[in-house]
Amino acid sequence: MTWLLDDLHHTTAPPLPVRIGPAEFSAFTPGLVAVRCPSELAPLVRQAGGEWEPGGKRWLVRRRRLGPLVRKLRRETDPLFRQAGVDLDESA
């Protein structure tokens, strides 16, 4: 994981969402975010450069790639949850 050093130099980052639909986010290191999500959303995390950590059963994503991943997850999960009557626009 040599790319960790590159991400440590970034000081401004978007706020970390707690949850988007079934995907949960948590800070891992200053340059990485841990993402837990169902396997159906794994391709989106993989497209964002996520690396699977089998021991923690989570994805590790560079913080600078978080914005595009959040937009894709919102676009993917929003219609499903709206059909079920869950409003994803509520603040966590």
N, C-alpha and C. Protein backbone atom coordinates (compact mmCIF):
# COMPACT_ATOMS: atom_id res chain seq x y z
N MET A 1 0.82 -1.18 0.00
CA MET A 1 0.00 0.00 0.00
C MET A 1 0.87 1.26 0.00
N THR A 2 1.64 1.40 -1.01
CA THR A 2 2.55 2.55 -1.09
C THR A 2 1.80 3.85 -1.33
N TRP A 3 0.57 3.79 -1.82
CA TRP A 3 -0.18 4.99 -2.11
C TRP A 3 -0.66 5.68 -0.84
N LEU A 4 -0.50 5.07 0.32
CA LEU A 4 -0.90 5.71 1.58
C LEU A 4 -0.17 7.03 1.79
N LEU A 5 1.11 7.07 1.45
CA LEU A 5 1.89 8.27 1.67
C LEU A 5 1.37 9.45 0.85
N ASP A 6 0.91 9.18 -0.36
CA ASP A 6 0.36 10.25 -1.19
C ASP A 6 -0.88 10.88 -0.55
N ASP A 7 -1.72 10.06 0.05
CA ASP A 7 -2.97 10.54 0.61
C ASP A 7 -2.78 11.29 1.92
N LEU A 8 -1.67 11.10 2.61
CA LEU A 8 -1.45 11.77 3.87
C LEU A 8 -1.24 13.27 3.69
N HIS A 9 -0.87 13.70 2.51
CA HIS A 9 -0.60 15.11 2.26
C HIS A 9 -1.87 15.91 1.98
N HIS A 10 -2.99 15.26 1.77
CA HIS A 10 -4.24 15.96 1.49
C HIS A 10 -4.85 16.43 2.81
N THR A 11 -5.09 17.71 2.94
CA THR A 11 -5.63 18.23 4.19
C THR A 11 -7.12 18.53 4.11
N THR A 12 -7.64 18.83 2.93
CA THR A 12 -9.06 19.09 2.80
C THR A 12 -9.72 17.87 2.18
N ALA A 13 -10.76 17.41 2.83
CA ALA A 13 -11.48 16.25 2.33
C ALA A 13 -12.96 16.47 2.59
N PRO A 14 -13.80 15.88 1.75
CA PRO A 14 -15.23 16.02 2.00
C PRO A 14 -15.60 15.34 3.32
N PRO A 15 -16.67 15.78 3.96
CA PRO A 15 -17.08 15.13 5.20
C PRO A 15 -17.41 13.66 4.95
N LEU A 16 -17.10 12.85 5.91
CA LEU A 16 -17.31 11.41 5.79
C LEU A 16 -18.75 11.06 6.15
N PRO A 17 -19.52 10.52 5.20
CA PRO A 17 -20.89 10.11 5.55
C PRO A 17 -20.84 8.88 6.46
N VAL A 18 -21.82 8.74 7.31
CA VAL A 18 -21.89 7.57 8.18
C VAL A 18 -22.47 6.40 7.40
N ARG A 19 -23.50 6.69 6.60
CA ARG A 19 -24.20 5.63 5.88
C ARG A 19 -24.84 6.20 4.63
N ILE A 20 -24.80 5.42 3.57
CA ILE A 20 -25.56 5.70 2.35
C ILE A 20 -26.25 4.41 2.00
N GLY A 21 -27.56 4.37 2.20
CA GLY A 21 -28.28 3.12 1.98
C GLY A 21 -27.70 2.04 2.87
N PRO A 22 -27.36 0.88 2.32
CA PRO A 22 -26.80 -0.19 3.14
C PRO A 22 -25.28 -0.08 3.34
N ALA A 23 -24.64 0.90 2.73
CA ALA A 23 -23.18 1.05 2.84
C ALA A 23 -22.84 1.90 4.07
N GLU A 24 -21.90 1.40 4.88
CA GLU A 24 -21.45 2.11 6.08
C GLU A 24 -20.01 2.56 5.89
N PHE A 25 -19.71 3.77 6.35
CA PHE A 25 -18.38 4.35 6.21
C PHE A 25 -17.78 4.61 7.59
N SER A 26 -16.46 4.43 7.69
CA SER A 26 -15.76 4.80 8.92
C SER A 26 -14.33 5.18 8.56
N ALA A 27 -13.78 6.11 9.35
CA ALA A 27 -12.40 6.55 9.12
C ALA A 27 -11.47 5.39 9.47
N PHE A 28 -10.46 5.20 8.65
CA PHE A 28 -9.50 4.12 8.89
C PHE A 28 -8.13 4.71 9.21
N THR A 29 -7.60 5.49 8.30
CA THR A 29 -6.38 6.26 8.51
C THR A 29 -6.65 7.63 7.90
N PRO A 30 -5.75 8.60 8.05
CA PRO A 30 -6.01 9.91 7.43
C PRO A 30 -6.25 9.82 5.92
N GLY A 31 -5.70 8.84 5.24
CA GLY A 31 -5.86 8.74 3.80
C GLY A 31 -6.82 7.67 3.33
N LEU A 32 -7.36 6.88 4.26
CA LEU A 32 -8.23 5.77 3.87
C LEU A 32 -9.54 5.78 4.64
N VAL A 33 -10.57 5.26 3.97
CA VAL A 33 -11.89 5.11 4.58
C VAL A 33 -12.27 3.64 4.45
N ALA A 34 -12.83 3.08 5.52
CA ALA A 34 -13.33 1.70 5.49
C ALA A 34 -14.79 1.74 5.07
N VAL A 35 -15.17 0.85 4.16
CA VAL A 35 -16.54 0.79 3.66
C VAL A 35 -17.03 -0.65 3.82
N ARG A 36 -18.16 -0.80 4.48
CA ARG A 36 -18.83 -2.10 4.58
C ARG A 36 -20.13 -1.99 3.80
N CYS A 37 -20.34 -2.94 2.89
CA CYS A 37 -21.54 -2.89 2.07
C CYS A 37 -21.87 -4.30 1.58
N PRO A 38 -23.12 -4.48 1.12
CA PRO A 38 -23.49 -5.78 0.55
C PRO A 38 -22.69 -6.06 -0.73
N SER A 39 -22.59 -7.30 -1.06
CA SER A 39 -21.80 -7.70 -2.24
C SER A 39 -22.35 -7.11 -3.53
N GLU A 40 -23.63 -6.76 -3.57
CA GLU A 40 -24.21 -6.16 -4.77
C GLU A 40 -23.59 -4.81 -5.08
N LEU A 41 -23.07 -4.11 -4.06
CA LEU A 41 -22.47 -2.79 -4.27
C LEU A 41 -20.95 -2.87 -4.43
N ALA A 42 -20.38 -4.05 -4.30
CA ALA A 42 -18.93 -4.22 -4.41
C ALA A 42 -18.35 -3.70 -5.73
N PRO A 43 -19.01 -3.89 -6.88
CA PRO A 43 -18.44 -3.35 -8.12
C PRO A 43 -18.24 -1.83 -8.08
N LEU A 44 -19.14 -1.11 -7.42
CA LEU A 44 -18.98 0.34 -7.32
C LEU A 44 -17.76 0.70 -6.47
N VAL A 45 -17.56 -0.02 -5.39
CA VAL A 45 -16.41 0.23 -4.53
C VAL A 45 -15.12 -0.13 -5.26
N ARG A 46 -15.16 -1.21 -6.00
CA ARG A 46 -13.99 -1.63 -6.77
C ARG A 46 -13.64 -0.60 -7.84
N GLN A 47 -14.66 -0.02 -8.49
CA GLN A 47 -14.42 1.02 -9.50
C GLN A 47 -13.77 2.25 -8.89
N ALA A 48 -14.03 2.49 -7.62
CA ALA A 48 -13.44 3.64 -6.93
C ALA A 48 -12.04 3.33 -6.42
N GLY A 49 -11.52 2.17 -6.81
CA GLY A 49 -10.17 1.80 -6.40
C GLY A 49 -10.11 1.12 -5.06
N GLY A 50 -11.25 0.68 -4.55
CA GLY A 50 -11.30 0.01 -3.26
C GLY A 50 -10.55 -1.31 -3.28
N GLU A 51 -9.92 -1.61 -2.17
CA GLU A 51 -9.22 -2.88 -2.00
C GLU A 51 -9.89 -3.65 -0.88
N TRP A 52 -10.20 -4.92 -1.13
CA TRP A 52 -10.88 -5.76 -0.16
C TRP A 52 -9.91 -6.17 0.94
N GLU A 53 -10.32 -5.99 2.17
CA GLU A 53 -9.54 -6.43 3.32
C GLU A 53 -10.29 -7.61 3.94
N PRO A 54 -9.89 -8.84 3.64
CA PRO A 54 -10.66 -10.00 4.09
C PRO A 54 -10.71 -10.15 5.61
N GLY A 55 -9.65 -9.79 6.31
CA GLY A 55 -9.65 -9.93 7.76
C GLY A 55 -10.69 -9.06 8.43
N GLY A 56 -10.89 -7.86 7.92
CA GLY A 56 -11.87 -6.93 8.48
C GLY A 56 -13.21 -6.99 7.78
N LYS A 57 -13.29 -7.80 6.72
CA LYS A 57 -14.51 -7.92 5.91
C LYS A 57 -15.02 -6.54 5.51
N ARG A 58 -14.12 -5.74 4.94
CA ARG A 58 -14.46 -4.39 4.53
C ARG A 58 -13.59 -3.98 3.35
N TRP A 59 -14.03 -2.92 2.70
CA TRP A 59 -13.27 -2.32 1.62
C TRP A 59 -12.49 -1.14 2.17
N LEU A 60 -11.29 -0.92 1.65
CA LEU A 60 -10.52 0.27 1.99
C LEU A 60 -10.42 1.12 0.73
N VAL A 61 -10.87 2.37 0.86
CA VAL A 61 -10.93 3.28 -0.28
C VAL A 61 -10.13 4.53 0.07
N ARG A 62 -9.37 5.02 -0.90
CA ARG A 62 -8.65 6.28 -0.69
C ARG A 62 -9.65 7.40 -0.46
N ARG A 63 -9.36 8.23 0.49
CA ARG A 63 -10.29 9.31 0.83
C ARG A 63 -10.55 10.24 -0.36
N ARG A 64 -9.55 10.45 -1.19
CA ARG A 64 -9.74 11.34 -2.34
C ARG A 64 -10.66 10.74 -3.39
N ARG A 65 -10.93 9.44 -3.33
CA ARG A 65 -11.85 8.79 -4.26
C ARG A 65 -13.26 8.67 -3.67
N LEU A 66 -13.44 9.20 -2.48
CA LEU A 66 -14.71 9.04 -1.78
C LEU A 66 -15.85 9.80 -2.46
N GLY A 67 -15.60 11.00 -2.97
CA GLY A 67 -16.65 11.80 -3.61
C GLY A 67 -17.35 11.07 -4.74
N PRO A 68 -16.60 10.55 -5.72
CA PRO A 68 -17.25 9.80 -6.81
C PRO A 68 -17.99 8.55 -6.31
N LEU A 69 -17.42 7.88 -5.30
CA LEU A 69 -18.08 6.68 -4.77
C LEU A 69 -19.39 7.05 -4.10
N VAL A 70 -19.40 8.12 -3.32
CA VAL A 70 -20.63 8.56 -2.65
C VAL A 70 -21.71 8.89 -3.68
N ARG A 71 -21.35 9.61 -4.73
CA ARG A 71 -22.33 9.94 -5.77
C ARG A 71 -22.89 8.68 -6.43
N LYS A 72 -22.02 7.73 -6.74
CA LYS A 72 -22.48 6.49 -7.37
C LYS A 72 -23.37 5.68 -6.43
N LEU A 73 -23.01 5.61 -5.16
CA LEU A 73 -23.83 4.87 -4.20
C LEU A 73 -25.20 5.52 -4.04
N ARG A 74 -25.24 6.84 -3.97
CA ARG A 74 -26.53 7.53 -3.86
C ARG A 74 -27.40 7.27 -5.09
N ARG A 75 -26.76 7.34 -6.25
CA ARG A 75 -27.51 7.12 -7.49
C ARG A 75 -28.02 5.67 -7.55
N GLU A 76 -27.23 4.73 -7.08
CA GLU A 76 -27.59 3.31 -7.17
C GLU A 76 -28.63 2.91 -6.12
N THR A 77 -28.49 3.41 -4.89
CA THR A 77 -29.37 2.94 -3.82
C THR A 77 -30.62 3.78 -3.65
N ASP A 78 -30.60 5.04 -4.04
CA ASP A 78 -31.73 5.93 -3.81
C ASP A 78 -33.05 5.40 -4.36
N PRO A 79 -33.13 4.98 -5.62
CA PRO A 79 -34.42 4.50 -6.13
C PRO A 79 -34.95 3.30 -5.35
N LEU A 80 -34.09 2.40 -4.95
CA LEU A 80 -34.52 1.20 -4.22
C LEU A 80 -35.12 1.58 -2.87
N PHE A 81 -34.47 2.49 -2.17
CA PHE A 81 -34.97 2.86 -0.85
C PHE A 81 -36.21 3.75 -0.94
N ARG A 82 -36.29 4.57 -1.96
CA ARG A 82 -37.49 5.41 -2.13
C ARG A 82 -38.71 4.53 -2.40
N GLN A 83 -38.53 3.44 -3.15
CA GLN A 83 -39.64 2.51 -3.39
C GLN A 83 -40.11 1.90 -2.07
N ALA A 84 -39.18 1.68 -1.15
CA ALA A 84 -39.52 1.08 0.14
C ALA A 84 -40.02 2.13 1.13
N GLY A 85 -40.00 3.42 0.74
CA GLY A 85 -40.48 4.47 1.61
C GLY A 85 -39.44 5.04 2.56
N VAL A 86 -38.16 4.74 2.34
CA VAL A 86 -37.09 5.26 3.19
C VAL A 86 -36.49 6.49 2.52
N ASP A 87 -36.42 7.60 3.26
CA ASP A 87 -35.88 8.84 2.73
C ASP A 87 -34.40 8.93 3.04
N LEU A 88 -33.57 8.89 2.02
CA LEU A 88 -32.12 8.94 2.21
C LEU A 88 -31.60 10.36 2.36
N ASP A 89 -32.47 11.35 2.20
CA ASP A 89 -32.03 12.75 2.33
C ASP A 89 -31.97 13.19 3.78
N GLU A 90 -32.42 12.36 4.72
CA GLU A 90 -32.36 12.72 6.12
C GLU A 90 -30.91 12.74 6.58
N SER A 91 -30.59 13.68 7.45
CA SER A 91 -29.22 13.75 7.99
C SER A 91 -29.01 12.60 8.96
N ALA A 92 -27.77 12.08 8.94
CA ALA A 92 -27.45 10.95 9.82
C ALA A 92 -27.10 11.44 11.21
